[in-house]
Amino acid sequence: MPSVNLNPAGPALFNTEDVVGKWIIEQCISPAIPPLYRVHRKDDPDTIGQMQIWPLKPHNVDRLRREARILRDLDHPAIPRLIDFGQSGALQAVWIVTDFFDGDPVSDLLMQGPLDWKEACVIALQIAECMRHMHSHGIVHHDVNPNKVIVDPDKKARLVGFEMAMSDLELARAARVDLGVLSYVAPEVLNDPEHLGERADLYALGVVFYELLTSRPAFPAALIEDELVAAHQMLEWKTHAEPLDPGDEVPSWLGNLIRKATHPEPEQRLPDMDAFVGWLEAAEAAFAEAKAVATAAAPPPIAMNLAPTIKAPEPSIRVEAPLAPPPTPPIVVYISSLIVGCVAGLAFSLLIILFAEVVGFG
C-alpha cells in the first residue's frame, strides 16, 4: 500500500519580469500551491502560456515530468496543451508550461452564488467528457476540485492541475500518494489510497457539480493541524453521509444524477464516466427536442394592421325640415266657429220642419 503525503512542500514565488528558462513572467495568476503565472517566451513575446513552478525536489520533478507526459498524450479541448517542461539548478525550480486559458476557477464563481442548473450542466458535461477521454487512456486525475476547474466568460470549461494524475500502473508502483483536497476525496480512498480510480474521479466531479448547483460546500474541511486526524475525521463523516442532494430547485433527474455520483459506497455509484456523460447528453437531447417541438407547435404570428383603426367622422348631411303653416289669427278662428255654428243651427231647424210636415200628412 502506498503511503500518504498530505502536504507536499510548496514553491517559492517569483516576481514579474523574472526569467525562468525560455520564459519571462508577466504576472502571478494564482498564488496557490503550485503558483500559476502568465508568461511569454523571451524570443517571441506573442507566444504566451501559463506556468506552474515547484521547488527542485526529486518528488516534484517526478510528478511534473509525469504530468508533462500525460498532457503530451492527451488531446481534448478541456485539457491543457503542453508547451514546455524544464528545470533549473540555479533557480532551484522545476516548471511546466501549457497554453494560456483566460478564465476563473469554479471556487471564485461559487462566491457569487449558485449557478443556473442549465449552466452547471454545460460546465459539468465538458469536464466529464474530458475525464472520460483521460480514463479511456488509463489516466485518472486524483485531484478534481473547484480550484482545478476553470471557466471562461463563454462558459467553456477546462480541467487543470494534472500533477497528481497517474496511470493504474504508476499508482501500483508509487511509494506514496498525495490525497489532495480532502473535501473532494472519495471515502474509499481516504480509507485506502489503493482504491484511487475512475469512480473516485467520478465522486469528486459529483461533489463539484453539487456545489455548482448550491454554492454550498458539501464537506467543509475542519481546521485541524494534524492532517492525518483531519483525513480520518473526513472519512468517518463521508462513510456515514447520505448521497448529496441538491434539493428541489433542480429537476429530479439531475438530483438523481448527483446522488448516483456521490454515493459513499463506490459499488452504488454510476459505473464509469461514460454513464455520467450519457446521462447529461440524454438530458441535453431531450431539452433540444422539447424546444424544437415547442417551436414547431407554436401558432404563426398574427399580422398586425398598423393603420389607424379610428376613422375620421363623415361630414354630416343637413336635412331641411318642411316649413309649418303659419298659425291662424284668433279672430279668424272665432268667425269661423260662429259661421259653423249658424250653419249647424239652420240645418237642424230645416230637419225639424221636414219632420213635422211628414207627420202632418199622416
Protein backbone atom coordinates (compact mmCIF):
# COMPACT_ATOMS: atom_id res chain seq x y z
CA MET A 1 0.00 0.00 0.00
CA PRO A 2 1.44 3.44 -0.89
CA SER A 3 1.90 5.84 1.98
CA VAL A 4 0.01 9.12 2.09
CA ASN A 5 1.58 12.55 1.68
CA LEU A 6 -0.94 15.26 2.59
CA ASN A 7 1.29 18.32 2.49
CA PRO A 8 3.83 18.49 -0.33
CA ALA A 9 6.31 21.31 0.05
CA GLY A 10 5.18 24.48 -1.67
CA PRO A 11 7.29 26.54 -4.06
CA ALA A 12 8.71 29.99 -3.63
CA LEU A 13 7.01 32.80 -5.52
CA PHE A 14 8.64 34.53 -8.47
CA ASN A 15 8.23 38.17 -9.46
CA THR A 16 7.16 39.98 -12.61
CA GLU A 17 9.93 40.13 -15.24
CA ASP A 18 11.79 37.20 -13.67
CA VAL A 19 13.25 34.87 -16.30
CA VAL A 20 12.52 31.17 -15.90
CA GLY A 21 14.11 29.08 -18.64
CA LYS A 22 12.87 30.40 -22.01
CA TRP A 23 10.09 32.37 -20.37
CA ILE A 24 9.52 35.79 -18.81
CA ILE A 25 6.94 36.07 -16.05
CA GLU A 26 4.24 38.66 -16.74
CA GLN A 27 2.07 38.21 -13.66
CA CYS A 28 1.04 35.77 -10.97
CA ILE A 29 -2.38 34.39 -11.84
CA SER A 30 -2.80 32.36 -8.66
CA PRO A 31 -0.53 32.19 -5.59
CA ALA A 32 -1.90 28.76 -4.62
CA ILE A 33 0.20 25.60 -4.48
CA PRO A 34 1.59 25.41 -7.08
CA PRO A 35 1.58 29.10 -8.05
CA LEU A 36 0.41 29.82 -11.58
CA TYR A 37 1.95 32.52 -13.76
CA ARG A 38 1.17 34.12 -17.09
CA VAL A 39 4.39 34.05 -19.14
CA HIS A 40 5.70 34.79 -22.63
CA ARG A 41 8.72 33.49 -24.49
CA LYS A 42 11.87 35.58 -24.34
CA ASP A 43 12.37 35.33 -28.10
CA ASP A 44 8.68 35.70 -29.03
CA PRO A 45 6.51 37.91 -26.79
CA ASP A 46 3.42 36.88 -28.77
CA THR A 47 3.77 33.28 -27.56
CA ILE A 48 2.10 33.26 -24.18
CA GLY A 49 1.35 30.46 -21.77
CA GLN A 50 0.73 29.70 -18.13
CA MET A 51 3.45 28.23 -15.96
CA GLN A 52 3.41 26.17 -12.77
CA ILE A 53 6.62 26.30 -10.75
CA TRP A 54 7.69 23.89 -8.00
CA PRO A 55 10.82 23.67 -5.84
CA LEU A 56 13.50 21.49 -7.39
CA LYS A 57 12.97 18.32 -5.36
CA PRO A 58 13.02 14.76 -6.69
CA HIS A 59 9.37 14.15 -5.88
CA ASN A 60 8.29 17.36 -7.64
CA VAL A 61 10.47 16.63 -10.66
CA ASP A 62 8.95 13.16 -10.96
CA ARG A 63 5.36 14.30 -10.84
CA LEU A 64 5.80 17.28 -13.18
CA ARG A 65 7.61 15.03 -15.63
CA ARG A 66 4.68 12.63 -15.31
CA GLU A 67 2.23 15.49 -15.84
CA ALA A 68 4.11 16.62 -18.95
CA ARG A 69 3.99 13.11 -20.38
CA ILE A 70 0.25 12.79 -19.64
CA LEU A 71 -0.59 16.16 -21.22
CA ARG A 72 1.50 15.30 -24.26
CA ASP A 73 -0.50 12.11 -24.80
CA LEU A 74 -3.96 13.61 -24.22
CA ASP A 75 -5.82 15.69 -26.78
CA HIS A 76 -9.08 17.30 -25.69
CA PRO A 77 -10.39 20.91 -25.76
CA ALA A 78 -10.93 20.87 -21.98
CA ILE A 79 -7.39 19.65 -21.22
CA PRO A 80 -4.35 21.99 -21.30
CA ARG A 81 -1.94 21.65 -24.22
CA LEU A 82 1.69 21.09 -23.21
CA ILE A 83 4.19 23.70 -24.45
CA ASP A 84 7.29 23.25 -22.28
CA PHE A 85 8.78 21.37 -19.34
CA GLY A 86 12.06 22.28 -17.66
CA GLN A 87 14.12 22.62 -14.51
CA SER A 88 16.94 24.82 -13.27
CA GLY A 89 19.51 24.12 -10.58
CA ALA A 90 20.34 27.82 -10.37
CA LEU A 91 16.70 28.71 -9.70
CA GLN A 92 16.09 25.52 -7.71
CA ALA A 93 12.84 25.19 -9.63
CA VAL A 94 11.03 22.78 -11.92
CA TRP A 95 8.21 24.00 -14.15
CA ILE A 96 5.65 23.13 -16.75
CA VAL A 97 4.11 25.49 -19.33
CA THR A 98 0.74 24.98 -21.03
CA ASP A 99 -1.33 27.09 -23.41
CA PHE A 100 -2.98 30.11 -21.83
CA PHE A 101 -6.65 29.87 -20.87
CA ASP A 102 -8.31 33.04 -19.61
CA GLY A 103 -10.94 32.08 -17.07
CA ASP A 104 -11.82 31.90 -13.40
CA PRO A 105 -11.77 28.86 -11.14
CA VAL A 106 -15.13 27.49 -10.06
CA SER A 107 -14.14 28.34 -6.49
CA ASP A 108 -14.39 32.04 -7.45
CA LEU A 109 -17.69 31.57 -9.28
CA LEU A 110 -19.23 29.93 -6.22
CA MET A 111 -18.70 33.12 -4.22
CA GLN A 112 -21.33 34.75 -6.45
CA GLY A 113 -23.99 32.18 -5.58
CA PRO A 114 -25.31 29.03 -7.24
CA LEU A 115 -25.25 28.72 -11.00
CA ASP A 116 -28.37 28.20 -13.05
CA TRP A 117 -28.72 24.43 -13.29
CA LYS A 118 -28.50 24.51 -17.09
CA GLU A 119 -25.21 26.43 -16.94
CA ALA A 120 -23.92 24.00 -14.33
CA CYS A 121 -24.81 21.11 -16.64
CA VAL A 122 -22.87 22.72 -19.51
CA ILE A 123 -19.76 23.00 -17.32
CA ALA A 124 -20.09 19.54 -15.80
CA LEU A 125 -20.59 17.91 -19.21
CA GLN A 126 -17.37 19.44 -20.58
CA ILE A 127 -15.36 18.24 -17.59
CA ALA A 128 -16.98 14.81 -17.66
CA GLU A 129 -16.15 14.44 -21.36
CA CYS A 130 -12.50 15.31 -20.81
CA MET A 131 -12.34 12.91 -17.84
CA ARG A 132 -13.87 10.19 -20.00
CA HIS A 133 -11.10 10.90 -22.52
CA MET A 134 -8.49 10.58 -19.76
CA HIS A 135 -9.98 7.37 -18.42
CA SER A 136 -10.02 5.86 -21.91
CA HIS A 137 -6.23 6.36 -21.88
CA GLY A 138 -5.89 4.72 -18.48
CA ILE A 139 -5.33 8.03 -16.64
CA VAL A 140 -7.12 9.22 -13.51
CA HIS A 141 -6.88 12.80 -12.28
CA HIS A 142 -6.96 12.24 -8.48
CA ASP A 143 -7.49 15.91 -7.63
CA VAL A 144 -10.74 17.23 -9.13
CA ASN A 145 -11.92 20.20 -7.05
CA PRO A 146 -13.29 23.73 -7.67
CA ASN A 147 -9.77 25.19 -7.96
CA LYS A 148 -8.93 22.79 -10.80
CA VAL A 149 -11.97 23.60 -12.96
CA ILE A 150 -11.53 26.86 -14.89
CA VAL A 151 -14.43 28.55 -16.70
CA ASP A 152 -14.18 31.40 -19.19
CA PRO A 153 -16.89 34.06 -19.80
CA ASP A 154 -18.40 31.93 -22.59
CA LYS A 155 -18.83 29.01 -20.15
CA LYS A 156 -16.07 27.00 -21.80
CA ALA A 157 -14.50 24.85 -19.10
CA ARG A 158 -11.07 23.35 -18.61
CA LEU A 159 -9.66 20.84 -16.14
CA VAL A 160 -6.17 21.75 -14.92
CA GLY A 161 -3.70 20.55 -12.29
CA PHE A 162 -2.53 17.19 -13.62
CA GLU A 163 0.48 16.98 -11.29
CA MET A 164 -1.27 14.24 -9.28
CA ALA A 165 -2.66 12.36 -12.29
CA MET A 166 -1.47 8.78 -12.67
CA SER A 167 -1.98 5.67 -14.69
CA ASP A 168 -3.03 2.49 -12.91
CA LEU A 169 0.48 1.10 -13.39
CA GLU A 170 2.10 4.21 -11.94
CA LEU A 171 -0.25 4.09 -8.97
CA ALA A 172 0.66 0.48 -8.28
CA ARG A 173 4.35 1.37 -8.33
CA ALA A 174 4.05 4.62 -6.36
CA ALA A 175 5.78 4.74 -2.99
CA ARG A 176 3.42 7.43 -1.75
CA VAL A 177 0.27 9.19 -2.88
CA ASP A 178 -0.87 12.77 -2.35
CA LEU A 179 -4.53 12.73 -1.38
CA GLY A 180 -5.32 16.27 -2.47
CA VAL A 181 -8.23 18.30 -1.07
CA LEU A 182 -9.98 16.10 1.49
CA SER A 183 -13.45 17.54 0.84
CA TYR A 184 -13.43 16.01 -2.65
CA VAL A 185 -11.65 12.73 -1.95
CA ALA A 186 -13.87 9.65 -2.16
CA PRO A 187 -14.34 7.85 1.18
CA GLU A 188 -12.83 4.59 -0.10
CA VAL A 189 -9.64 6.49 -1.00
CA LEU A 190 -9.49 8.10 2.44
CA ASN A 191 -9.72 4.60 3.82
CA ASP A 192 -7.11 3.13 1.46
CA PRO A 193 -5.27 5.05 -1.31
CA GLU A 194 -5.10 1.84 -3.34
CA HIS A 195 -8.76 2.49 -4.21
CA LEU A 196 -7.84 5.50 -6.32
CA GLY A 197 -9.56 5.02 -9.65
CA GLU A 198 -12.21 6.17 -12.09
CA ARG A 199 -15.06 6.02 -9.59
CA ALA A 200 -13.08 8.21 -7.21
CA ASP A 201 -12.74 10.78 -10.01
CA LEU A 202 -16.48 10.47 -10.66
CA TYR A 203 -17.21 11.06 -6.97
CA ALA A 204 -15.07 14.23 -6.94
CA LEU A 205 -16.83 15.59 -10.03
CA GLY A 206 -20.19 14.83 -8.42
CA VAL A 207 -19.22 16.88 -5.35
CA VAL A 208 -18.08 19.80 -7.53
CA PHE A 209 -21.32 19.55 -9.54
CA TYR A 210 -23.35 19.66 -6.31
CA GLU A 211 -21.52 22.81 -5.22
CA LEU A 212 -22.12 24.45 -8.61
CA LEU A 213 -25.85 23.92 -8.08
CA THR A 214 -25.99 25.03 -4.44
CA SER A 215 -22.90 27.23 -3.83
CA ARG A 216 -22.61 25.38 -0.50
CA PRO A 217 -19.54 23.35 0.46
CA ALA A 218 -20.56 19.71 0.60
CA PHE A 219 -17.97 18.67 3.19
CA PRO A 220 -16.30 21.70 4.81
CA ALA A 221 -12.85 20.69 5.98
CA ALA A 222 -12.21 21.07 9.71
CA LEU A 223 -9.36 23.32 10.79
CA ILE A 224 -7.20 20.58 12.29
CA GLU A 225 -3.43 20.92 12.29
CA ASP A 226 -2.85 17.18 12.28
CA GLU A 227 -3.79 16.33 8.70
CA LEU A 228 -3.96 12.60 9.31
CA VAL A 229 -6.54 13.24 12.04
CA ALA A 230 -8.41 15.51 9.62
CA ALA A 231 -8.38 12.76 7.00
CA HIS A 232 -9.76 10.21 9.47
CA GLN A 233 -12.50 12.60 10.57
CA MET A 234 -13.44 13.26 6.94
CA LEU A 235 -13.52 9.51 6.32
CA GLU A 236 -15.87 8.99 9.26
CA TRP A 237 -18.14 11.80 8.08
CA LYS A 238 -18.32 10.67 4.46
CA THR A 239 -18.74 7.00 5.26
CA HIS A 240 -21.94 7.70 7.20
CA ALA A 241 -23.21 10.52 4.97
CA GLU A 242 -26.15 10.20 2.63
CA PRO A 243 -25.56 10.82 -1.09
CA LEU A 244 -25.58 14.54 -1.80
CA ASP A 245 -28.96 16.04 -2.66
CA PRO A 246 -29.06 19.45 -4.41
CA GLY A 247 -32.72 19.99 -3.42
CA ASP A 248 -35.94 20.79 -5.22
CA GLU A 249 -34.53 23.78 -7.09
CA VAL A 250 -33.19 21.46 -9.80
CA PRO A 251 -35.03 18.83 -11.91
CA SER A 252 -35.50 15.45 -10.26
CA TRP A 253 -33.37 13.65 -12.87
CA LEU A 254 -30.45 15.97 -12.05
CA GLY A 255 -30.85 15.33 -8.33
CA ASN A 256 -30.77 11.59 -9.09
CA LEU A 257 -27.54 12.03 -11.08
CA ILE A 258 -25.84 13.87 -8.20
CA ARG A 259 -26.94 11.20 -5.74
CA LYS A 260 -25.70 8.40 -8.00
CA ALA A 261 -22.35 10.14 -8.41
CA THR A 262 -21.75 10.87 -4.70
CA HIS A 263 -22.88 7.66 -3.04
CA PRO A 264 -20.39 6.79 -0.26
CA GLU A 265 -20.21 3.20 -1.50
CA PRO A 266 -18.40 3.01 -4.85
CA GLU A 267 -20.45 -0.02 -5.93
CA GLN A 268 -23.62 2.10 -5.67
CA ARG A 269 -22.29 4.89 -7.90
CA LEU A 270 -22.53 5.20 -11.63
CA PRO A 271 -20.22 2.59 -13.14
CA ASP A 272 -17.99 4.99 -15.06
CA MET A 273 -17.66 8.43 -16.60
CA ASP A 274 -19.27 7.19 -19.80
CA ALA A 275 -22.52 6.69 -17.86
CA PHE A 276 -22.18 10.17 -16.34
CA VAL A 277 -21.71 11.73 -19.78
CA GLY A 278 -24.54 9.65 -21.24
CA TRP A 279 -26.92 10.86 -18.54
CA LEU A 280 -26.16 14.52 -19.29
CA GLU A 281 -26.17 14.06 -23.07
CA ALA A 282 -29.57 12.34 -22.92
CA ALA A 283 -30.96 15.25 -20.92
CA GLU A 284 -29.41 17.74 -23.37
CA ALA A 285 -31.00 15.90 -26.31
CA ALA A 286 -34.37 15.87 -24.55
CA PHE A 287 -34.15 19.64 -23.99
CA ALA A 288 -33.29 20.23 -27.65
CA GLU A 289 -36.17 18.02 -28.81
CA ALA A 290 -38.64 19.69 -26.45
CA LYS A 291 -37.52 23.10 -27.66
CA ALA A 292 -37.90 22.04 -31.31
CA VAL A 293 -41.39 20.65 -30.66
CA ALA A 294 -42.43 23.79 -28.82
CA THR A 295 -41.16 25.94 -31.68
CA ALA A 296 -42.94 23.82 -34.32
CA ALA A 297 -46.22 23.79 -32.37
CA ALA A 298 -46.29 27.50 -31.81
CA PRO A 299 -49.02 29.30 -33.85
CA PRO A 300 -47.82 31.60 -36.63
CA PRO A 301 -47.51 35.20 -35.64
CA ILE A 302 -50.64 37.28 -36.18
CA ALA A 303 -50.22 40.01 -38.77
CA MET A 304 -51.00 43.27 -37.09
CA ASN A 305 -52.74 46.05 -39.06
CA LEU A 306 -50.74 49.04 -38.04
CA ALA A 307 -53.05 51.52 -39.87
CA PRO A 308 -55.23 53.68 -37.62
CA THR A 309 -58.47 51.92 -36.76
CA ILE A 310 -60.38 55.05 -35.67
CA LYS A 311 -61.90 56.70 -38.74
CA ALA A 312 -62.43 60.38 -39.12
CA PRO A 313 -66.15 61.29 -38.83
CA GLU A 314 -68.07 61.56 -42.10
CA PRO A 315 -69.35 65.06 -42.89
CA SER A 316 -72.95 65.30 -41.66
CA ILE A 317 -75.79 65.87 -44.18
CA ARG A 318 -78.22 68.59 -43.07
CA VAL A 319 -81.84 67.64 -43.75
CA GLU A 320 -84.17 70.63 -44.04
CA ALA A 321 -87.47 70.05 -42.19
CA PRO A 322 -90.67 71.15 -44.11
CA LEU A 323 -91.94 74.55 -43.13
CA ALA A 324 -95.02 74.52 -40.86
CA PRO A 325 -98.01 76.73 -41.92
CA PRO A 326 -98.27 79.98 -40.06
CA PRO A 327 -100.69 79.97 -37.12
CA THR A 328 -104.35 81.14 -37.75
CA PRO A 329 -105.19 84.51 -36.15
CA PRO A 330 -107.66 84.25 -33.23
CA ILE A 331 -110.32 86.49 -34.86
CA VAL A 332 -110.45 84.22 -37.87
CA VAL A 333 -110.85 81.22 -35.61
CA TYR A 334 -113.77 82.97 -33.81
CA ILE A 335 -115.66 83.99 -37.00
CA SER A 336 -115.11 80.53 -38.46
CA SER A 337 -116.58 78.96 -35.35
CA LEU A 338 -119.57 81.34 -35.44
CA ILE A 339 -120.30 80.55 -39.08
CA VAL A 340 -120.05 76.83 -38.46
CA GLY A 341 -122.44 77.19 -35.52
CA CYS A 342 -125.03 79.13 -37.54
CA VAL A 343 -124.91 76.67 -40.41
CA ALA A 344 -125.33 73.78 -38.00
CA GLY A 345 -128.34 75.50 -36.32
CA LEU A 346 -130.03 76.26 -39.64
CA ALA A 347 -129.58 72.68 -40.78
CA PHE A 348 -131.13 71.39 -37.57
CA SER A 349 -134.15 73.73 -37.98
CA LEU A 350 -134.76 72.50 -41.50
CA LEU A 351 -134.74 68.92 -40.29
CA ILE A 352 -137.44 69.73 -37.68
CA ILE A 353 -139.72 71.38 -40.27
CA LEU A 354 -139.38 68.44 -42.62
CA PHE A 355 -140.21 66.01 -39.84
CA ALA A 356 -143.33 67.98 -38.87
CA GLU A 357 -144.66 68.04 -42.40
CA VAL A 358 -144.24 64.32 -42.74
CA VAL A 359 -146.09 63.65 -39.53
CA GLY A 360 -148.89 66.10 -40.52
CA PHE A 361 -149.67 64.22 -43.75
CA GLY A 362 -150.00 61.03 -41.87
